[in-house]
């Protein structure tokens, strides 16, 4: 299940903040698919916050659009996050 915290030092689920990407004039779909990833989903910060999470900006040296989702990622909550997610960059082989 992909909807869980990363092993990074800030301990949240790693996300890219689409609003910052678009504001910078960058194609968000191209950005999140580079380097080549399997695919990407999107959900709104409001929907994630409604599940009890905090969402915030957490830039990285190689990604100025990086953010984190912090909170308790129980299996039940992970399933709800998966249900909230909608395709953004389709998996190329499906």
PDB file of N, CA and C in Angstrom:
ATOM      1  N   UNK A   1       0.864  -1.182   0.000  1.00  0.00           N
ATOM      2  CA  UNK A   1       0.000   0.000   0.000  1.00  0.00           C
ATOM      3  C   UNK A   1       0.901   1.232   0.000  1.00  0.00           C
ATOM      4  N   UNK A   2       0.676   2.118  -0.904  1.00  0.00           N
ATOM      5  CA  UNK A   2       1.536   3.287  -1.091  1.00  0.00           C
ATOM      6  C   UNK A   2       1.217   4.443  -0.152  1.00  0.00           C
ATOM      7  N   UNK A   3       0.108   4.430   0.500  1.00  0.00           N
ATOM      8  CA  UNK A   3      -0.327   5.583   1.298  1.00  0.00           C
ATOM      9  C   UNK A   3       0.130   5.429   2.742  1.00  0.00           C
ATOM     10  N   UNK A   4       1.430   5.684   2.936  1.00  0.00           N
ATOM     11  CA  UNK A   4       2.021   5.571   4.265  1.00  0.00           C
ATOM     12  C   UNK A   4       3.223   6.507   4.350  1.00  0.00           C
ATOM     13  N   UNK A   5       3.723   6.732   5.555  1.00  0.00           N
ATOM     14  CA  UNK A   5       4.860   7.646   5.688  1.00  0.00           C
ATOM     15  C   UNK A   5       6.125   7.088   5.044  1.00  0.00           C
ATOM     16  N   UNK A   6       6.951   7.989   4.573  1.00  0.00           N
ATOM     17  CA  UNK A   6       8.240   7.588   4.011  1.00  0.00           C
ATOM     18  C   UNK A   6       9.220   7.351   5.150  1.00  0.00           C
ATOM     19  N   UNK A   7      10.384   6.906   4.799  1.00  0.00           N
ATOM     20  CA  UNK A   7      11.417   6.685   5.808  1.00  0.00           C
ATOM     21  C   UNK A   7      12.280   7.928   6.007  1.00  0.00           C
ATOM     22  N   UNK A   8      11.911   9.033   5.377  1.00  0.00           N
ATOM     23  CA  UNK A   8      12.672  10.279   5.486  1.00  0.00           C
ATOM     24  C   UNK A   8      12.664  10.842   6.898  1.00  0.00           C
ATOM     25  N   UNK A   9      13.500  11.821   7.109  1.00  0.00           N
ATOM     26  CA  UNK A   9      13.671  12.377   8.460  1.00  0.00           C
ATOM     27  C   UNK A   9      12.429  13.074   9.008  1.00  0.00           C
ATOM     28  N   UNK A  10      11.543  13.565   8.155  1.00  0.00           N
ATOM     29  CA  UNK A  10      10.360  14.268   8.650  1.00  0.00           C
ATOM     30  C   UNK A  10       9.159  13.352   8.875  1.00  0.00           C
ATOM     31  N   UNK A  11       9.258  12.098   8.463  1.00  0.00           N
ATOM     32  CA  UNK A  11       8.288  11.074   8.834  1.00  0.00           C
ATOM     33  C   UNK A  11       6.890  11.198   8.278  1.00  0.00           C
ATOM     34  N   UNK A  12       6.684  11.908   7.203  1.00  0.00           N
ATOM     35  CA  UNK A  12       5.361  12.014   6.617  1.00  0.00           C
ATOM     36  C   UNK A  12       5.299  11.299   5.283  1.00  0.00           C
ATOM     37  N   UNK A  13       4.116  11.301   4.692  1.00  0.00           N
ATOM     38  CA  UNK A  13       3.955  10.756   3.351  1.00  0.00           C
ATOM     39  C   UNK A  13       4.424  11.824   2.368  1.00  0.00           C
ATOM     40  N   UNK A  14       5.351  11.472   1.541  1.00  0.00           N
ATOM     41  CA  UNK A  14       5.939  12.398   0.589  1.00  0.00           C
ATOM     42  C   UNK A  14       4.953  12.700  -0.540  1.00  0.00           C
ATOM     43  N   UNK A  15       4.765  13.987  -0.842  1.00  0.00           N
ATOM     44  CA  UNK A  15       3.879  14.429  -1.917  1.00  0.00           C
ATOM     45  C   UNK A  15       4.530  15.587  -2.661  1.00  0.00           C
ATOM     46  N   UNK A  16       4.050  15.830  -3.855  1.00  0.00           N
ATOM     47  CA  UNK A  16       4.414  17.039  -4.587  1.00  0.00           C
ATOM     48  C   UNK A  16       3.198  17.957  -4.571  1.00  0.00           C
ATOM     49  N   UNK A  17       3.411  19.225  -4.307  1.00  0.00           N
ATOM     50  CA  UNK A  17       2.324  20.192  -4.179  1.00  0.00           C
ATOM     51  C   UNK A  17       2.027  20.806  -5.550  1.00  0.00           C
ATOM     52  N   UNK A  18       0.953  20.322  -6.155  1.00  0.00           N
ATOM     53  CA  UNK A  18       0.613  20.714  -7.527  1.00  0.00           C
ATOM     54  C   UNK A  18       0.479  22.222  -7.681  1.00  0.00           C
ATOM     55  N   UNK A  19      -0.104  22.873  -6.711  1.00  0.00           N
ATOM     56  CA  UNK A  19      -0.297  24.323  -6.841  1.00  0.00           C
ATOM     57  C   UNK A  19       1.034  25.054  -7.016  1.00  0.00           C
ATOM     58  N   UNK A  20       2.077  24.611  -6.316  1.00  0.00           N
ATOM     59  CA  UNK A  20       3.388  25.246  -6.451  1.00  0.00           C
ATOM     60  C   UNK A  20       4.018  24.933  -7.799  1.00  0.00           C
ATOM     61  N   UNK A  21       3.811  23.718  -8.277  1.00  0.00           N
ATOM     62  CA  UNK A  21       4.360  23.327  -9.578  1.00  0.00           C
ATOM     63  C   UNK A  21       3.733  24.174 -10.677  1.00  0.00           C
ATOM     64  N   UNK A  22       2.404  24.280 -10.655  1.00  0.00           N
ATOM     65  CA  UNK A  22       1.682  25.061 -11.666  1.00  0.00           C
ATOM     66  C   UNK A  22       2.056  26.536 -11.580  1.00  0.00           C
ATOM     67  N   UNK A  23       2.134  27.052 -10.353  1.00  0.00           N
ATOM     68  CA  UNK A  23       2.500  28.457 -10.142  1.00  0.00           C
ATOM     69  C   UNK A  23       3.866  28.778 -10.741  1.00  0.00           C
ATOM     70  N   UNK A  24       4.764  27.786 -10.747  1.00  0.00           N
ATOM     71  CA  UNK A  24       6.105  27.975 -11.309  1.00  0.00           C
ATOM     72  C   UNK A  24       6.119  27.823 -12.828  1.00  0.00           C
ATOM     73  N   UNK A  25       4.973  27.522 -13.426  1.00  0.00           N
ATOM     74  CA  UNK A  25       4.897  27.365 -14.868  1.00  0.00           C
ATOM     75  C   UNK A  25       5.408  26.030 -15.377  1.00  0.00           C
ATOM     76  N   UNK A  26       5.428  25.034 -14.496  1.00  0.00           N
ATOM     77  CA  UNK A  26       5.932  23.704 -14.847  1.00  0.00           C
ATOM     78  C   UNK A  26       4.735  22.784 -15.100  1.00  0.00           C
ATOM     79  N   UNK A  27       4.870  21.883 -16.061  1.00  0.00           N
ATOM     80  CA  UNK A  27       3.831  20.889 -16.337  1.00  0.00           C
ATOM     81  C   UNK A  27       3.843  19.865 -15.196  1.00  0.00           C
ATOM     82  N   UNK A  28       2.805  19.856 -14.397  1.00  0.00           N
ATOM     83  CA  UNK A  28       2.760  19.003 -13.204  1.00  0.00           C
ATOM     84  C   UNK A  28       2.840  17.523 -13.547  1.00  0.00           C
ATOM     85  N   UNK A  29       2.149  17.098 -14.596  1.00  0.00           N
ATOM     86  CA  UNK A  29       2.190  15.677 -14.963  1.00  0.00           C
ATOM     87  C   UNK A  29       3.600  15.252 -15.380  1.00  0.00           C
ATOM     88  N   UNK A  30       4.267  16.089 -16.149  1.00  0.00           N
ATOM     89  CA  UNK A  30       5.637  15.781 -16.566  1.00  0.00           C
ATOM     90  C   UNK A  30       6.571  15.777 -15.354  1.00  0.00           C
ATOM     91  N   UNK A  31       6.371  16.720 -14.433  1.00  0.00           N
ATOM     92  CA  UNK A  31       7.250  16.808 -13.265  1.00  0.00           C
ATOM     93  C   UNK A  31       7.142  15.569 -12.396  1.00  0.00           C
ATOM     94  N   UNK A  32       5.925  15.140 -12.083  1.00  0.00           N
ATOM     95  CA  UNK A  32       5.778  13.996 -11.169  1.00  0.00           C
ATOM     96  C   UNK A  32       6.132  12.678 -11.836  1.00  0.00           C
ATOM     97  N   UNK A  33       6.224  12.655 -13.152  1.00  0.00           N
ATOM     98  CA  UNK A  33       6.593  11.432 -13.870  1.00  0.00           C
ATOM     99  C   UNK A  33       8.079  11.399 -14.237  1.00  0.00           C
ATOM    100  N   UNK A  34       8.856  12.332 -13.713  1.00  0.00           N
ATOM    101  CA  UNK A  34      10.278  12.390 -14.028  1.00  0.00           C
ATOM    102  C   UNK A  34      11.090  12.464 -12.736  1.00  0.00           C
ATOM    103  N   UNK A  35      12.064  11.601 -12.494  1.00  0.00           N
ATOM    104  CA  UNK A  35      12.391  10.497 -13.381  1.00  0.00           C
ATOM    105  C   UNK A  35      11.216   9.535 -13.492  1.00  0.00           C
ATOM    106  N   UNK A  36      11.290   8.670 -14.456  1.00  0.00           N
ATOM    107  CA  UNK A  36      10.147   7.818 -14.781  1.00  0.00           C
ATOM    108  C   UNK A  36       9.673   7.013 -13.568  1.00  0.00           C
ATOM    109  N   UNK A  37       8.422   7.221 -13.215  1.00  0.00           N
ATOM    110  CA  UNK A  37       7.763   6.483 -12.133  1.00  0.00           C
ATOM    111  C   UNK A  37       6.674   5.622 -12.746  1.00  0.00           C
ATOM    112  N   UNK A  38       6.116   4.756 -11.961  1.00  0.00           N
ATOM    113  CA  UNK A  38       5.060   3.872 -12.445  1.00  0.00           C
ATOM    114  C   UNK A  38       3.801   4.659 -12.787  1.00  0.00           C
ATOM    115  N   UNK A  39       3.440   5.625 -11.978  1.00  0.00           N
ATOM    116  CA  UNK A  39       2.244   6.433 -12.164  1.00  0.00           C
ATOM    117  C   UNK A  39       2.102   7.373 -10.986  1.00  0.00           C
ATOM    118  N   UNK A  40       1.066   8.178 -10.993  1.00  0.00           N
ATOM    119  CA  UNK A  40       0.847   9.113  -9.895  1.00  0.00           C
ATOM    120  C   UNK A  40      -0.651   9.319  -9.698  1.00  0.00           C
ATOM    121  N   UNK A  41      -1.018   9.570  -8.456  1.00  0.00           N
ATOM    122  CA  UNK A  41      -2.404   9.894  -8.120  1.00  0.00           C
ATOM    123  C   UNK A  41      -2.433  11.289  -7.520  1.00  0.00           C
ATOM    124  N   UNK A  42      -3.639  11.835  -7.397  1.00  0.00           N
ATOM    125  CA  UNK A  42      -3.786  13.134  -6.749  1.00  0.00           C
ATOM    126  C   UNK A  42      -4.991  13.081  -5.820  1.00  0.00           C
ATOM    127  N   UNK A  43      -4.928  13.900  -4.810  1.00  0.00           N
ATOM    128  CA  UNK A  43      -6.077  14.165  -3.949  1.00  0.00           C
ATOM    129  C   UNK A  43      -5.912  15.569  -3.412  1.00  0.00           C
ATOM    130  N   UNK A  44      -7.002  16.136  -2.931  1.00  0.00           N
ATOM    131  CA  UNK A  44      -6.929  17.506  -2.433  1.00  0.00           C
ATOM    132  C   UNK A  44      -6.432  17.521  -0.990  1.00  0.00           C
ATOM    133  N   UNK A  45      -5.778  18.597  -0.635  1.00  0.00           N
ATOM    134  CA  UNK A  45      -5.320  18.756   0.740  1.00  0.00           C
ATOM    135  C   UNK A  45      -6.517  18.748   1.690  1.00  0.00           C
ATOM    136  N   UNK A  46      -7.629  19.339   1.256  1.00  0.00           N
ATOM    137  CA  UNK A  46      -8.826  19.372   2.097  1.00  0.00           C
ATOM    138  C   UNK A  46      -9.350  17.981   2.420  1.00  0.00           C
ATOM    139  N   UNK A  47      -9.344  17.090   1.445  1.00  0.00           N
ATOM    140  CA  UNK A  47      -9.816  15.723   1.666  1.00  0.00           C
ATOM    141  C   UNK A  47      -8.890  14.988   2.634  1.00  0.00           C
ATOM    142  N   UNK A  48      -7.598  15.213   2.489  1.00  0.00           N
ATOM    143  CA  UNK A  48      -6.628  14.569   3.376  1.00  0.00           C
ATOM    144  C   UNK A  48      -6.755  15.144   4.788  1.00  0.00           C
ATOM    145  N   UNK A  49      -6.933  16.440   4.884  1.00  0.00           N
ATOM    146  CA  UNK A  49      -7.122  17.065   6.208  1.00  0.00           C
ATOM    147  C   UNK A  49      -8.398  16.578   6.875  1.00  0.00           C
ATOM    148  N   UNK A  50      -9.438  16.322   6.090  1.00  0.00           N
ATOM    149  CA  UNK A  50     -10.693  15.800   6.645  1.00  0.00           C
ATOM    150  C   UNK A  50     -10.499  14.418   7.260  1.00  0.00           C
ATOM    151  N   UNK A  51      -9.449  13.717   6.866  1.00  0.00           N
ATOM    152  CA  UNK A  51      -9.115  12.411   7.443  1.00  0.00           C
ATOM    153  C   UNK A  51      -8.241  12.567   8.693  1.00  0.00           C
ATOM    154  N   UNK A  52      -7.983  13.809   9.100  1.00  0.00           N
ATOM    155  CA  UNK A  52      -7.227  14.059  10.325  1.00  0.00           C
ATOM    156  C   UNK A  52      -5.737  14.288  10.130  1.00  0.00           C
ATOM    157  N   UNK A  53      -5.298  14.471   8.895  1.00  0.00           N
ATOM    158  CA  UNK A  53      -3.882  14.677   8.617  1.00  0.00           C
ATOM    159  C   UNK A  53      -3.538  16.154   8.521  1.00  0.00           C
ATOM    160  N   UNK A  54      -2.263  16.446   8.701  1.00  0.00           N
ATOM    161  CA  UNK A  54      -1.719  17.769   8.427  1.00  0.00           C
ATOM    162  C   UNK A  54      -0.997  17.686   7.090  1.00  0.00           C
ATOM    163  N   UNK A  55      -1.099  18.738   6.297  1.00  0.00           N
ATOM    164  CA  UNK A  55      -0.434  18.805   4.995  1.00  0.00           C
ATOM    165  C   UNK A  55       0.409  20.063   4.990  1.00  0.00           C
ATOM    166  N   UNK A  56       1.655  19.953   4.543  1.00  0.00           N
ATOM    167  CA  UNK A  56       2.487  21.138   4.547  1.00  0.00           C
ATOM    168  C   UNK A  56       3.633  21.078   3.565  1.00  0.00           C
ATOM    169  N   UNK A  57       4.254  22.211   3.410  1.00  0.00           N
ATOM    170  CA  UNK A  57       5.391  22.418   2.515  1.00  0.00           C
ATOM    171  C   UNK A  57       6.642  21.894   3.194  1.00  0.00           C
ATOM    172  N   UNK A  58       7.421  21.103   2.483  1.00  0.00           N
ATOM    173  CA  UNK A  58       8.642  20.517   3.025  1.00  0.00           C
ATOM    174  C   UNK A  58       9.653  20.372   1.880  1.00  0.00           C
ATOM    175  N   UNK A  59      10.186  21.509   1.390  1.00  0.00           N
ATOM    176  CA  UNK A  59      11.050  21.462   0.207  1.00  0.00           C
ATOM    177  C   UNK A  59      12.302  20.623   0.436  1.00  0.00           C
ATOM    178  N   UNK A  60      12.771  20.053  -0.667  1.00  0.00           N
ATOM    179  CA  UNK A  60      14.007  19.274  -0.659  1.00  0.00           C
ATOM    180  C   UNK A  60      14.985  19.956  -1.616  1.00  0.00           C
ATOM    181  N   UNK A  61      16.285  19.718  -1.459  1.00  0.00           N
ATOM    182  CA  UNK A  61      17.254  20.371  -2.351  1.00  0.00           C
ATOM    183  C   UNK A  61      16.976  20.126  -3.835  1.00  0.00           C
ATOM    184  N   UNK A  62      16.497  18.946  -4.179  1.00  0.00           N
ATOM    185  CA  UNK A  62      16.240  18.627  -5.585  1.00  0.00           C
ATOM    186  C   UNK A  62      14.765  18.726  -5.964  1.00  0.00           C
ATOM    187  N   UNK A  63      13.926  19.205  -5.047  1.00  0.00           N
ATOM    188  CA  UNK A  63      12.490  19.313  -5.322  1.00  0.00           C
ATOM    189  C   UNK A  63      11.872  20.463  -4.516  1.00  0.00           C
ATOM    190  N   UNK A  64      11.802  21.655  -5.111  1.00  0.00           N
ATOM    191  CA  UNK A  64      11.239  22.800  -4.392  1.00  0.00           C
ATOM    192  C   UNK A  64       9.726  22.716  -4.216  1.00  0.00           C
ATOM    193  N   UNK A  65       9.077  21.724  -4.813  1.00  0.00           N
ATOM    194  CA  UNK A  65       7.614  21.574  -4.731  1.00  0.00           C
ATOM    195  C   UNK A  65       7.203  20.458  -3.776  1.00  0.00           C
ATOM    196  N   UNK A  66       8.143  19.946  -3.036  1.00  0.00           N
ATOM    197  CA  UNK A  66       7.890  18.800  -2.157  1.00  0.00           C
ATOM    198  C   UNK A  66       7.099  19.203  -0.911  1.00  0.00           C
ATOM    199  N   UNK A  67       6.205  18.343  -0.525  1.00  0.00           N
ATOM    200  CA  UNK A  67       5.443  18.529   0.706  1.00  0.00           C
ATOM    201  C   UNK A  67       5.347  17.211   1.446  1.00  0.00           C
ATOM    202  N   UNK A  68       4.670  17.251   2.574  1.00  0.00           N
ATOM    203  CA  UNK A  68       4.477  16.044   3.389  1.00  0.00           C
ATOM    204  C   UNK A  68       3.044  16.015   3.896  1.00  0.00           C
ATOM    205  N   UNK A  69       2.582  14.813   4.152  1.00  0.00           N
ATOM    206  CA  UNK A  69       1.307  14.578   4.833  1.00  0.00           C
ATOM    207  C   UNK A  69       1.673  13.863   6.123  1.00  0.00           C
ATOM    208  N   UNK A  70       1.316  14.475   7.263  1.00  0.00           N
ATOM    209  CA  UNK A  70       1.676  13.918   8.565  1.00  0.00           C
ATOM    210  C   UNK A  70       0.430  13.460   9.309  1.00  0.00           C
ATOM    211  N   UNK A  71       0.568  12.351   9.988  1.00  0.00           N
ATOM    212  CA  UNK A  71      -0.522  11.829  10.801  1.00  0.00           C
ATOM    213  C   UNK A  71      -0.350  10.345  11.041  1.00  0.00           C
ATOM    214  N   UNK A  72      -1.414   9.729  11.516  1.00  0.00           N
ATOM    215  CA  UNK A  72      -1.403   8.293  11.821  1.00  0.00           C
ATOM    216  C   UNK A  72      -1.940   7.523  10.620  1.00  0.00           C
ATOM    217  N   UNK A  73      -1.108   6.678  10.045  1.00  0.00           N
ATOM    218  CA  UNK A  73      -1.449   5.938   8.836  1.00  0.00           C
ATOM    219  C   UNK A  73      -1.856   4.504   9.164  1.00  0.00           C
ATOM    220  N   UNK A  74      -2.981   4.341   9.830  1.00  0.00           N
ATOM    221  CA  UNK A  74      -3.466   2.988  10.093  1.00  0.00           C
ATOM    222  C   UNK A  74      -3.869   2.344   8.768  1.00  0.00           C
ATOM    223  N   UNK A  75      -4.007   1.032   8.756  1.00  0.00           N
ATOM    224  CA  UNK A  75      -4.418   0.332   7.524  1.00  0.00           C
ATOM    225  C   UNK A  75      -5.772   0.846   7.045  1.00  0.00           C
ATOM    226  N   UNK A  76      -6.685   1.094   7.969  1.00  0.00           N
ATOM    227  CA  UNK A  76      -8.016   1.598   7.601  1.00  0.00           C
ATOM    228  C   UNK A  76      -7.907   2.977   6.935  1.00  0.00           C
ATOM    229  N   UNK A  77      -7.089   3.844   7.493  1.00  0.00           N
ATOM    230  CA  UNK A  77      -6.906   5.186   6.929  1.00  0.00           C
ATOM    231  C   UNK A  77      -6.200   5.103   5.574  1.00  0.00           C
ATOM    232  N   UNK A  78      -5.233   4.204   5.442  1.00  0.00           N
ATOM    233  CA  UNK A  78      -4.560   4.027   4.156  1.00  0.00           C
ATOM    234  C   UNK A  78      -5.575   3.643   3.074  1.00  0.00           C
ATOM    235  N   UNK A  79      -6.517   2.792   3.409  1.00  0.00           N
ATOM    236  CA  UNK A  79      -7.551   2.388   2.447  1.00  0.00           C
ATOM    237  C   UNK A  79      -8.447   3.573   2.087  1.00  0.00           C
ATOM    238  N   UNK A  80      -8.766   4.419   3.085  1.00  0.00           N
ATOM    239  CA  UNK A  80      -9.586   5.606   2.787  1.00  0.00           C
ATOM    240  C   UNK A  80      -8.829   6.591   1.904  1.00  0.00           C
ATOM    241  N   UNK A  81      -7.530   6.762   2.156  1.00  0.00           N
ATOM    242  CA  UNK A  81      -6.718   7.634   1.301  1.00  0.00           C
ATOM    243  C   UNK A  81      -6.674   7.089  -0.124  1.00  0.00           C
ATOM    244  N   UNK A  82      -6.525   5.785  -0.266  1.00  0.00           N
ATOM    245  CA  UNK A  82      -6.518   5.178  -1.601  1.00  0.00           C
ATOM    246  C   UNK A  82      -7.847   5.436  -2.309  1.00  0.00           C
ATOM    247  N   UNK A  83      -8.951   5.386  -1.563  1.00  0.00           N
ATOM    248  CA  UNK A  83     -10.272   5.633  -2.154  1.00  0.00           C
ATOM    249  C   UNK A  83     -10.434   7.106  -2.557  1.00  0.00           C
ATOM    250  N   UNK A  84      -9.771   8.018  -1.853  1.00  0.00           N
ATOM    251  CA  UNK A  84      -9.838   9.445  -2.175  1.00  0.00           C
ATOM    252  C   UNK A  84      -9.008   9.795  -3.405  1.00  0.00           C
ATOM    253  N   UNK A  85      -7.990   8.994  -3.666  1.00  0.00           N
ATOM    254  CA  UNK A  85      -7.049   9.287  -4.740  1.00  0.00           C
ATOM    255  C   UNK A  85      -7.693   9.081  -6.107  1.00  0.00           C
ATOM    256  N   UNK A  86      -7.313   9.943  -7.029  1.00  0.00           N
ATOM    257  CA  UNK A  86      -7.764   9.783  -8.418  1.00  0.00           C
ATOM    258  C   UNK A  86      -6.534   9.759  -9.313  1.00  0.00           C
ATOM    259  N   UNK A  87      -6.603   9.059 -10.436  1.00  0.00           N
ATOM    260  CA  UNK A  87      -5.438   8.976 -11.325  1.00  0.00           C
ATOM    261  C   UNK A  87      -4.992  10.363 -11.798  1.00  0.00           C
ATOM    262  N   UNK A  88      -3.696  10.561 -11.857  1.00  0.00           N
ATOM    263  CA  UNK A  88      -3.132  11.811 -12.355  1.00  0.00           C
ATOM    264  C   UNK A  88      -2.181  11.527 -13.520  1.00  0.00           C
ATOM    265  N   UNK A  89      -1.259  10.600 -13.328  1.00  0.00           N
ATOM    266  CA  UNK A  89      -0.410  10.097 -14.401  1.00  0.00           C
ATOM    267  C   UNK A  89      -0.688   8.604 -14.483  1.00  0.00           C
ATOM    268  N   UNK A  90      -1.336   8.161 -15.573  1.00  0.00           N
ATOM    269  CA  UNK A  90      -1.715   6.748 -15.658  1.00  0.00           C
ATOM    270  C   UNK A  90      -0.509   5.819 -15.731  1.00  0.00           C
ATOM    271  N   UNK A  91      -0.694   4.625 -15.223  1.00  0.00           N
ATOM    272  CA  UNK A  91       0.327   3.589 -15.322  1.00  0.00           C
ATOM    273  C   UNK A  91       0.386   3.183 -16.800  1.00  0.00           C
ATOM    274  N   UNK A  92       1.540   3.276 -17.440  1.00  0.00           N
ATOM    275  CA  UNK A  92       1.607   3.100 -18.896  1.00  0.00           C
ATOM    276  C   UNK A  92       1.238   1.718 -19.406  1.00  0.00           C
ATOM    277  N   UNK A  93       1.383   0.696 -18.606  1.00  0.00           N
ATOM    278  CA  UNK A  93       1.152  -0.654 -19.106  1.00  0.00           C
ATOM    279  C   UNK A  93      -0.191  -1.227 -18.703  1.00  0.00           C
ATOM    280  N   UNK A  94      -1.077  -0.430 -18.127  1.00  0.00           N
ATOM    281  CA  UNK A  94      -2.408  -0.939 -17.759  1.00  0.00           C
ATOM    282  C   UNK A  94      -3.446  -0.520 -18.757  1.00  0.00           C
TER     283      UNK A  94
END
